[in-house]
Amino acid sequence: MADIESRVAWKKDDPALGRDTEAIWDALNHVYPREREGRLKELVAVAYNREQAVGACTARAIEYKVLGANVFYFRPAILSGPHHDEVLFRLLSTAKDVLQVWAHAHPGE
């Protein structure tokens, strides 16, 4: 098991977390530069393995008409490696905890 840590970024506008996320996107050739500013505003969490950024996730609240509910559109970006699944699980867990609290506090958004 790796020592995966996640840091919450939701609504924080943290430049260090943003830089780490952009480094992940660069390594993966994942997000076009023109889309980054908007995606960074949706940043939920960044995952680290021994202080090295290895994953990040963004989320956007959307109306899902099929269910008649608002949900979060979740987008992870994870560097390949032996701990890929563990990074994803850590990001999902952190995002669930953070977004659930936020959604209850902001029911109309």
C-alpha atoms as a PDB file:
ATOM      1  CA  MET A   1       0.000   0.000   0.000  1.00  0.00           C
ATOM      2  CA  ALA A   2       1.192   3.451  -0.895  1.00  0.00           C
ATOM      3  CA  ASP A   3       0.985   6.429   1.393  1.00  0.00           C
ATOM      4  CA  ILE A   4      -1.597   8.385  -0.617  1.00  0.00           C
ATOM      5  CA  GLU A   5      -2.740  11.683   0.865  1.00  0.00           C
ATOM      6  CA  SER A   6      -5.398  13.958  -0.591  1.00  0.00           C
ATOM      7  CA  ARG A   7      -5.616  17.698  -0.132  1.00  0.00           C
ATOM      8  CA  VAL A   8      -8.941  19.463  -0.452  1.00  0.00           C
ATOM      9  CA  ALA A   9      -9.035  22.213  -3.063  1.00  0.00           C
ATOM     10  CA  TRP A  10     -12.788  22.846  -3.428  1.00  0.00           C
ATOM     11  CA  LYS A  11     -13.524  26.596  -3.532  1.00  0.00           C
ATOM     12  CA  LYS A  12     -10.063  27.408  -2.131  1.00  0.00           C
ATOM     13  CA  ASP A  13      -8.286  28.866  -5.198  1.00  0.00           C
ATOM     14  CA  ASP A  14      -4.952  27.547  -3.873  1.00  0.00           C
ATOM     15  CA  PRO A  15      -2.128  28.412  -6.321  1.00  0.00           C
ATOM     16  CA  ALA A  16       0.089  25.503  -5.193  1.00  0.00           C
ATOM     17  CA  LEU A  17      -2.665  22.936  -5.732  1.00  0.00           C
ATOM     18  CA  GLY A  18      -3.434  24.555  -9.077  1.00  0.00           C
ATOM     19  CA  ARG A  19       0.205  24.296 -10.190  1.00  0.00           C
ATOM     20  CA  ASP A  20       0.364  20.652  -9.147  1.00  0.00           C
ATOM     21  CA  THR A  21      -2.853  19.934 -11.025  1.00  0.00           C
ATOM     22  CA  GLU A  22      -1.586  21.647 -14.161  1.00  0.00           C
ATOM     23  CA  ALA A  23       1.604  19.580 -13.956  1.00  0.00           C
ATOM     24  CA  ILE A  24      -0.526  16.420 -13.917  1.00  0.00           C
ATOM     25  CA  TRP A  25      -2.576  17.683 -16.868  1.00  0.00           C
ATOM     26  CA  ASP A  26       0.649  18.485 -18.746  1.00  0.00           C
ATOM     27  CA  ALA A  27       2.060  15.019 -18.103  1.00  0.00           C
ATOM     28  CA  LEU A  28      -1.152  13.439 -19.361  1.00  0.00           C
ATOM     29  CA  ASN A  29      -1.733  15.946 -22.175  1.00  0.00           C
ATOM     30  CA  HIS A  30      -5.173  16.080 -20.586  1.00  0.00           C
ATOM     31  CA  VAL A  31      -6.683  19.587 -20.571  1.00  0.00           C
ATOM     32  CA  TYR A  32      -6.300  22.212 -23.273  1.00  0.00           C
ATOM     33  CA  PRO A  33      -4.695  25.429 -21.999  1.00  0.00           C
ATOM     34  CA  ARG A  34      -7.768  27.493 -22.944  1.00  0.00           C
ATOM     35  CA  GLU A  35      -9.941  25.293 -20.677  1.00  0.00           C
ATOM     36  CA  ARG A  36      -7.689  25.298 -17.635  1.00  0.00           C
ATOM     37  CA  GLU A  37      -8.883  28.428 -15.892  1.00  0.00           C
ATOM     38  CA  GLY A  38     -12.443  27.141 -15.776  1.00  0.00           C
ATOM     39  CA  ARG A  39     -11.416  23.635 -14.769  1.00  0.00           C
ATOM     40  CA  LEU A  40      -9.204  24.922 -11.945  1.00  0.00           C
ATOM     41  CA  LYS A  41     -12.286  26.653 -10.502  1.00  0.00           C
ATOM     42  CA  GLU A  42     -13.841  23.165 -10.317  1.00  0.00           C
ATOM     43  CA  LEU A  43     -10.839  21.564  -8.593  1.00  0.00           C
ATOM     44  CA  VAL A  44     -11.970  19.353  -5.704  1.00  0.00           C
ATOM     45  CA  ALA A  45      -8.846  17.541  -4.514  1.00  0.00           C
ATOM     46  CA  VAL A  46      -5.262  16.696  -5.370  1.00  0.00           C
ATOM     47  CA  ALA A  47      -3.689  13.373  -4.384  1.00  0.00           C
ATOM     48  CA  TYR A  48      -0.053  12.993  -3.371  1.00  0.00           C
ATOM     49  CA  ASN A  49       2.241  10.032  -2.933  1.00  0.00           C
ATOM     50  CA  ARG A  50       5.211  11.064  -0.786  1.00  0.00           C
ATOM     51  CA  GLU A  51       4.665  14.756  -1.579  1.00  0.00           C
ATOM     52  CA  GLN A  52       4.536  14.067  -5.344  1.00  0.00           C
ATOM     53  CA  ALA A  53       1.245  15.049  -7.007  1.00  0.00           C
ATOM     54  CA  VAL A  54      -0.137  11.910  -8.668  1.00  0.00           C
ATOM     55  CA  GLY A  55      -3.798  12.742  -9.264  1.00  0.00           C
ATOM     56  CA  ALA A  56      -6.412  15.463  -9.217  1.00  0.00           C
ATOM     57  CA  CYS A  57     -10.141  15.683  -9.702  1.00  0.00           C
ATOM     58  CA  THR A  58     -12.582  18.336 -10.744  1.00  0.00           C
ATOM     59  CA  ALA A  59     -16.347  18.381 -10.401  1.00  0.00           C
ATOM     60  CA  ARG A  60     -19.185  20.466 -11.745  1.00  0.00           C
ATOM     61  CA  ALA A  61     -22.733  20.550 -10.460  1.00  0.00           C
ATOM     62  CA  ILE A  62     -25.150  19.711 -13.289  1.00  0.00           C
ATOM     63  CA  GLU A  63     -28.830  18.968 -13.641  1.00  0.00           C
ATOM     64  CA  TYR A  64     -29.326  15.320 -14.597  1.00  0.00           C
ATOM     65  CA  LYS A  65     -32.757  15.384 -16.183  1.00  0.00           C
ATOM     66  CA  VAL A  66     -33.144  11.600 -16.388  1.00  0.00           C
ATOM     67  CA  LEU A  67     -33.099  11.425 -12.594  1.00  0.00           C
ATOM     68  CA  GLY A  68     -34.640  14.838 -12.049  1.00  0.00           C
ATOM     69  CA  ALA A  69     -31.761  15.689  -9.754  1.00  0.00           C
ATOM     70  CA  ASN A  70     -28.641  17.756  -9.501  1.00  0.00           C
ATOM     71  CA  VAL A  71     -25.455  15.702  -9.517  1.00  0.00           C
ATOM     72  CA  PHE A  72     -21.744  16.315  -9.808  1.00  0.00           C
ATOM     73  CA  TYR A  73     -19.940  15.594 -13.048  1.00  0.00           C
ATOM     74  CA  PHE A  74     -16.671  14.181 -11.703  1.00  0.00           C
ATOM     75  CA  ARG A  75     -13.454  14.213 -13.769  1.00  0.00           C
ATOM     76  CA  PRO A  76     -10.295  12.612 -12.397  1.00  0.00           C
ATOM     77  CA  ALA A  77      -6.814  12.851 -13.887  1.00  0.00           C
ATOM     78  CA  ILE A  78      -4.364  10.281 -12.522  1.00  0.00           C
ATOM     79  CA  LEU A  79      -0.783   9.564 -13.485  1.00  0.00           C
ATOM     80  CA  SER A  80      -0.194   5.971 -14.453  1.00  0.00           C
ATOM     81  CA  GLY A  81       1.606   3.862 -11.919  1.00  0.00           C
ATOM     82  CA  PRO A  82       1.275   0.942  -9.556  1.00  0.00           C
ATOM     83  CA  HIS A  83      -1.016   2.844  -7.177  1.00  0.00           C
ATOM     84  CA  HIS A  84      -3.492   4.152  -9.770  1.00  0.00           C
ATOM     85  CA  ASP A  85      -6.532   2.501  -8.148  1.00  0.00           C
ATOM     86  CA  GLU A  86      -5.580   3.652  -4.679  1.00  0.00           C
ATOM     87  CA  VAL A  87      -5.213   7.235  -5.928  1.00  0.00           C
ATOM     88  CA  LEU A  88      -8.643   7.067  -7.567  1.00  0.00           C
ATOM     89  CA  PHE A  89     -10.269   5.692  -4.416  1.00  0.00           C
ATOM     90  CA  ARG A  90      -8.648   8.414  -2.291  1.00  0.00           C
ATOM     91  CA  LEU A  91      -9.849  11.139  -4.679  1.00  0.00           C
ATOM     92  CA  LEU A  92     -13.376   9.672  -4.790  1.00  0.00           C
ATOM     93  CA  SER A  93     -13.551   9.446  -1.004  1.00  0.00           C
ATOM     94  CA  THR A  94     -12.338  13.004  -0.515  1.00  0.00           C
ATOM     95  CA  ALA A  95     -14.644  14.351  -3.219  1.00  0.00           C
ATOM     96  CA  LYS A  96     -17.663  12.580  -1.739  1.00  0.00           C
ATOM     97  CA  ASP A  97     -16.985  14.004   1.722  1.00  0.00           C
ATOM     98  CA  VAL A  98     -16.385  17.550   0.481  1.00  0.00           C
ATOM     99  CA  LEU A  99     -19.095  17.756  -2.169  1.00  0.00           C
ATOM    100  CA  GLN A 100     -21.773  16.169  -0.002  1.00  0.00           C
ATOM    101  CA  VAL A 101     -21.305  18.821   2.691  1.00  0.00           C
ATOM    102  CA  TRP A 102     -21.186  21.593   0.091  1.00  0.00           C
ATOM    103  CA  ALA A 103     -24.322  20.342  -1.695  1.00  0.00           C
ATOM    104  CA  HIS A 104     -26.323  20.301   1.550  1.00  0.00           C
ATOM    105  CA  ALA A 105     -25.207  23.850   2.318  1.00  0.00           C
ATOM    106  CA  HIS A 106     -26.005  25.078  -1.241  1.00  0.00           C
ATOM    107  CA  PRO A 107     -29.133  23.155  -2.327  1.00  0.00           C
ATOM    108  CA  GLY A 108     -30.052  25.517  -5.181  1.00  0.00           C
ATOM    109  CA  GLU A 109     -26.706  25.454  -6.946  1.00  0.00           C
END
